[in-house]
């Protein structure tokens, strides 16, 4: 008998969100920083130094922010599980009725719902309540370290791209080179994320490119406004 297996795109949501967010921020923030400083007539050394500092600060900020955010989610999940574990130990009958009611609400007859609740409780009471009452599953549970590493590394990879372009581009055309290549890479990133997530490729590319363009235009305007040569 052939083993039946299914692939669901939602299984990628955790790492995909963190990786896309990190890479997007790396490209947008670093390219915008380079363009803003370059528009203010900074020399090439200052532009590169600023962009590298932005890469390091941004990667650490992404890691810290993601870790704190997901840790808070993990703390909430653990608190809910502890509460559920206590309720199962002190009032198992009410918890069984609660689980039965959940299955009735999902379309089962009361008798069948009760049988299902009994069997799942006997197999893994806490797991059943975590999944069906709290919406916590092993696949979707919070993983702070994984999310932090994914965000930081993807930010650094994204940020390296405009920095490399800034290193190679002539000073007179640096803004044009960085802006053009960054927008192309953003469009590719948005399209790739949409494809992996099963969404419309062109829509994914368009929305990430729009916000990237807006960010770069804003920093270029600020740099040009203040326009003081940095030495």
Protein backbone atom coordinates (compact mmCIF):
# COMPACT_ATOMS: atom_id res chain seq x y z
CA UNK A 1 0.00 0.00 0.00
CA UNK A 2 1.32 3.42 -0.95
CA UNK A 3 1.80 5.86 1.88
CA UNK A 4 -0.40 8.91 1.45
CA UNK A 5 1.22 12.19 2.33
CA UNK A 6 0.13 15.76 1.92
CA UNK A 7 2.00 19.03 1.79
CA UNK A 8 0.29 22.13 3.14
CA UNK A 9 1.75 25.58 2.54
CA UNK A 10 0.65 26.74 5.99
CA UNK A 11 3.30 24.39 7.45
CA UNK A 12 5.90 26.95 6.26
CA UNK A 13 4.26 29.94 7.93
CA UNK A 14 6.60 30.17 10.93
CA UNK A 15 9.99 30.23 9.26
CA UNK A 16 8.70 31.81 6.04
CA UNK A 17 7.29 34.85 7.82
CA UNK A 18 10.47 35.44 9.79
CA UNK A 19 12.77 34.87 6.80
CA UNK A 20 10.81 37.07 4.38
CA UNK A 21 10.42 39.82 6.98
CA UNK A 22 14.14 39.73 7.76
CA UNK A 23 15.31 39.76 4.14
CA UNK A 24 12.82 42.47 3.21
CA UNK A 25 13.92 44.68 6.11
CA UNK A 26 17.58 44.01 5.30
CA UNK A 27 17.22 45.19 1.71
CA UNK A 28 14.85 48.09 2.35
CA UNK A 29 16.49 49.56 5.44
CA UNK A 30 20.07 49.19 4.20
CA UNK A 31 19.36 50.42 0.67
CA UNK A 32 17.37 53.34 2.09
CA UNK A 33 20.19 54.15 4.51
CA UNK A 34 22.76 54.08 1.71
CA UNK A 35 20.61 56.24 -0.55
CA UNK A 36 19.81 58.72 2.20
CA UNK A 37 23.46 59.18 3.21
CA UNK A 38 24.60 59.30 -0.42
CA UNK A 39 21.97 61.94 -1.20
CA UNK A 40 23.48 64.01 1.60
CA UNK A 41 26.81 64.07 -0.30
CA UNK A 42 28.63 61.67 2.02
CA UNK A 43 31.90 60.23 0.78
CA UNK A 44 32.19 56.60 -0.26
CA UNK A 45 33.91 55.48 2.95
CA UNK A 46 31.19 57.04 5.11
CA UNK A 47 28.48 55.40 3.04
CA UNK A 48 30.03 51.95 3.42
CA UNK A 49 30.77 52.41 7.13
CA UNK A 50 27.21 53.56 7.78
CA UNK A 51 25.70 50.68 5.81
CA UNK A 52 27.81 48.03 7.59
CA UNK A 53 26.86 49.52 10.95
CA UNK A 54 23.24 49.44 9.81
CA UNK A 55 23.57 45.76 8.89
CA UNK A 56 24.94 44.80 12.30
CA UNK A 57 22.47 46.93 14.25
CA UNK A 58 19.55 45.80 12.11
CA UNK A 59 20.36 42.09 12.37
CA UNK A 60 20.71 42.30 16.15
CA UNK A 61 17.52 44.34 16.41
CA UNK A 62 15.61 41.83 14.30
CA UNK A 63 16.90 38.93 16.39
CA UNK A 64 16.08 40.64 19.68
CA UNK A 65 12.66 41.81 18.55
CA UNK A 66 11.68 38.44 17.13
CA UNK A 67 12.98 36.60 20.18
CA UNK A 68 11.11 38.81 22.64
CA UNK A 69 7.93 38.68 20.58
CA UNK A 70 7.89 34.91 20.12
CA UNK A 71 9.01 34.36 23.72
CA UNK A 72 5.97 36.30 24.88
CA UNK A 73 3.81 34.04 22.73
CA UNK A 74 5.57 31.00 24.16
CA UNK A 75 5.04 32.24 27.72
CA UNK A 76 1.33 32.67 27.02
CA UNK A 77 1.07 29.18 25.55
CA UNK A 78 2.88 27.65 28.53
CA UNK A 79 0.64 29.50 30.98
CA UNK A 80 -2.47 28.28 29.16
CA UNK A 81 -1.16 24.72 29.14
CA UNK A 82 -0.38 24.87 32.86
CA UNK A 83 -3.89 26.12 33.56
CA UNK A 84 -5.38 23.37 31.40
CA UNK A 85 -3.24 20.73 33.11
CA UNK A 86 -4.52 21.89 36.52
CA UNK A 87 -8.14 21.87 35.37
CA UNK A 88 -7.76 18.34 34.01
CA UNK A 89 -6.36 17.20 37.35
CA UNK A 90 -9.03 18.89 39.48
CA UNK A 91 -12.18 18.82 37.32
CA UNK A 92 -11.86 16.16 34.64
CA UNK A 93 -15.62 15.80 34.12
CA UNK A 94 -16.09 19.46 33.22
CA UNK A 95 -13.13 19.30 30.86
CA UNK A 96 -14.62 16.25 29.15
CA UNK A 97 -17.93 18.08 28.71
CA UNK A 98 -16.06 21.08 27.34
CA UNK A 99 -14.25 18.95 24.78
CA UNK A 100 -17.52 17.24 23.81
CA UNK A 101 -19.17 20.62 23.29
CA UNK A 102 -16.32 21.69 21.00
CA UNK A 103 -16.82 18.65 18.77
CA UNK A 104 -20.57 19.15 18.70
CA UNK A 105 -19.92 22.70 17.55
CA UNK A 106 -17.82 21.29 14.73
CA UNK A 107 -20.66 19.17 13.43
CA UNK A 108 -20.58 15.86 15.30
CA UNK A 109 -23.67 14.40 16.93
CA UNK A 110 -23.63 14.64 20.74
CA UNK A 111 -23.13 10.87 21.15
CA UNK A 112 -20.30 10.70 18.65
CA UNK A 113 -18.73 13.87 20.06
CA UNK A 114 -18.79 12.31 23.52
CA UNK A 115 -17.15 9.12 22.25
CA UNK A 116 -14.46 11.08 20.43
CA UNK A 117 -13.81 13.20 23.53
CA UNK A 118 -13.53 10.08 25.68
CA UNK A 119 -11.05 8.39 23.35
CA UNK A 120 -8.89 11.46 22.84
CA UNK A 121 -8.88 12.16 26.57
CA UNK A 122 -7.77 8.60 27.26
CA UNK A 123 -5.04 8.89 24.65
CA UNK A 124 -3.72 12.39 25.48
CA UNK A 125 -6.04 14.65 27.42
CA UNK A 126 -3.74 17.67 27.52
CA UNK A 127 -2.85 17.33 23.84
CA UNK A 128 -6.52 17.20 22.87
CA UNK A 129 -7.37 20.33 24.84
CA UNK A 130 -4.25 22.14 23.66
CA UNK A 131 -5.12 21.44 20.03
CA UNK A 132 -8.91 21.73 20.01
CA UNK A 133 -9.59 24.21 22.81
CA UNK A 134 -6.49 26.42 22.81
CA UNK A 135 -5.41 26.02 19.18
CA UNK A 136 -1.85 25.07 20.16
CA UNK A 137 -0.15 22.40 18.06
CA UNK A 138 3.42 21.16 18.01
CA UNK A 139 3.94 22.48 14.48
CA UNK A 140 2.50 25.92 15.23
CA UNK A 141 3.94 26.38 18.72
CA UNK A 142 6.25 29.30 19.34
CA UNK A 143 9.99 28.75 18.76
CA UNK A 144 11.79 31.95 19.84
CA UNK A 145 15.38 30.90 19.03
CA UNK A 146 14.46 29.57 15.59
CA UNK A 147 12.55 32.75 14.73
CA UNK A 148 15.36 35.00 16.02
CA UNK A 149 18.05 33.20 14.03
CA UNK A 150 15.92 33.17 10.88
CA UNK A 151 15.20 36.90 11.13
CA UNK A 152 18.78 37.93 11.90
CA UNK A 153 20.40 35.77 9.22
CA UNK A 154 17.89 36.71 6.54
CA UNK A 155 18.28 40.40 7.43
CA UNK A 156 22.04 40.13 7.09
CA UNK A 157 21.77 38.36 3.73
CA UNK A 158 19.32 40.96 2.48
CA UNK A 159 21.46 43.85 3.73
CA UNK A 160 24.62 42.49 2.13
CA UNK A 161 23.16 42.89 -1.35
CA UNK A 162 22.85 46.72 -1.44
CA UNK A 163 26.16 47.02 0.43
CA UNK A 164 27.95 45.02 -2.26
CA UNK A 165 26.34 47.15 -4.96
CA UNK A 166 27.44 50.30 -3.12
CA UNK A 167 31.00 48.98 -2.97
CA UNK A 168 31.13 48.30 -6.70
CA UNK A 169 29.09 51.20 -8.09
CA UNK A 170 30.77 54.46 -9.10
CA UNK A 171 29.99 57.30 -6.69
CA UNK A 172 28.22 59.33 -9.37
CA UNK A 173 25.73 56.52 -10.06
CA UNK A 174 25.61 54.88 -6.66
CA UNK A 175 22.05 55.94 -5.84
CA UNK A 176 20.73 54.75 -9.21
CA UNK A 177 22.53 51.39 -8.99
CA UNK A 178 21.50 50.69 -5.39
CA UNK A 179 17.89 51.74 -5.91
CA UNK A 180 17.42 49.79 -9.14
CA UNK A 181 19.04 46.55 -8.01
CA UNK A 182 17.34 46.69 -4.61
CA UNK A 183 13.90 47.13 -6.15
CA UNK A 184 14.54 44.23 -8.51
CA UNK A 185 15.64 42.03 -5.63
CA UNK A 186 12.61 43.11 -3.58
CA UNK A 187 10.29 42.20 -6.43
CA UNK A 188 11.97 38.80 -6.73
CA UNK A 189 11.71 38.26 -2.98
CA UNK A 190 8.05 39.22 -2.92
CA UNK A 191 7.29 36.97 -5.87
CA UNK A 192 9.17 34.05 -4.31
CA UNK A 193 7.41 34.45 -0.96
CA UNK A 194 4.04 34.60 -2.72
CA UNK A 195 4.82 31.49 -4.76
CA UNK A 196 5.92 29.50 -1.71
CA UNK A 197 2.84 30.68 0.16
CA UNK A 198 0.51 29.87 -2.73
CA UNK A 199 -0.51 33.51 -3.30
CA UNK A 200 -0.52 35.63 -6.45
CA UNK A 201 3.09 36.11 -7.59
CA UNK A 202 2.60 39.53 -9.16
CA UNK A 203 0.66 40.88 -6.21
CA UNK A 204 3.38 39.71 -3.83
CA UNK A 205 6.06 41.38 -5.94
CA UNK A 206 4.08 44.60 -6.37
CA UNK A 207 3.28 45.25 -2.72
CA UNK A 208 6.82 44.70 -1.45
CA UNK A 209 8.25 46.85 -4.27
CA UNK A 210 5.80 49.66 -3.52
CA UNK A 211 6.86 49.96 0.10
CA UNK A 212 10.53 49.64 -0.81
CA UNK A 213 10.19 52.47 -3.32
CA UNK A 214 8.43 54.62 -0.74
CA UNK A 215 11.16 54.05 1.87
CA UNK A 216 14.01 54.81 -0.53
CA UNK A 217 12.28 57.92 -1.87
CA UNK A 218 11.72 59.21 1.66
CA UNK A 219 15.34 58.76 2.74
CA UNK A 220 16.60 60.25 -0.53
CA UNK A 221 14.40 63.29 0.07
CA UNK A 222 15.70 63.69 3.62
CA UNK A 223 19.31 63.31 2.49
CA UNK A 224 18.87 65.86 -0.29
CA UNK A 225 17.04 68.25 2.03
CA UNK A 226 19.85 68.40 4.55
CA UNK A 227 22.45 67.92 1.80
CA UNK A 228 25.48 68.66 3.95
CA UNK A 229 28.75 67.08 2.91
CA UNK A 230 29.88 64.52 5.49
CA UNK A 231 33.61 64.05 5.80
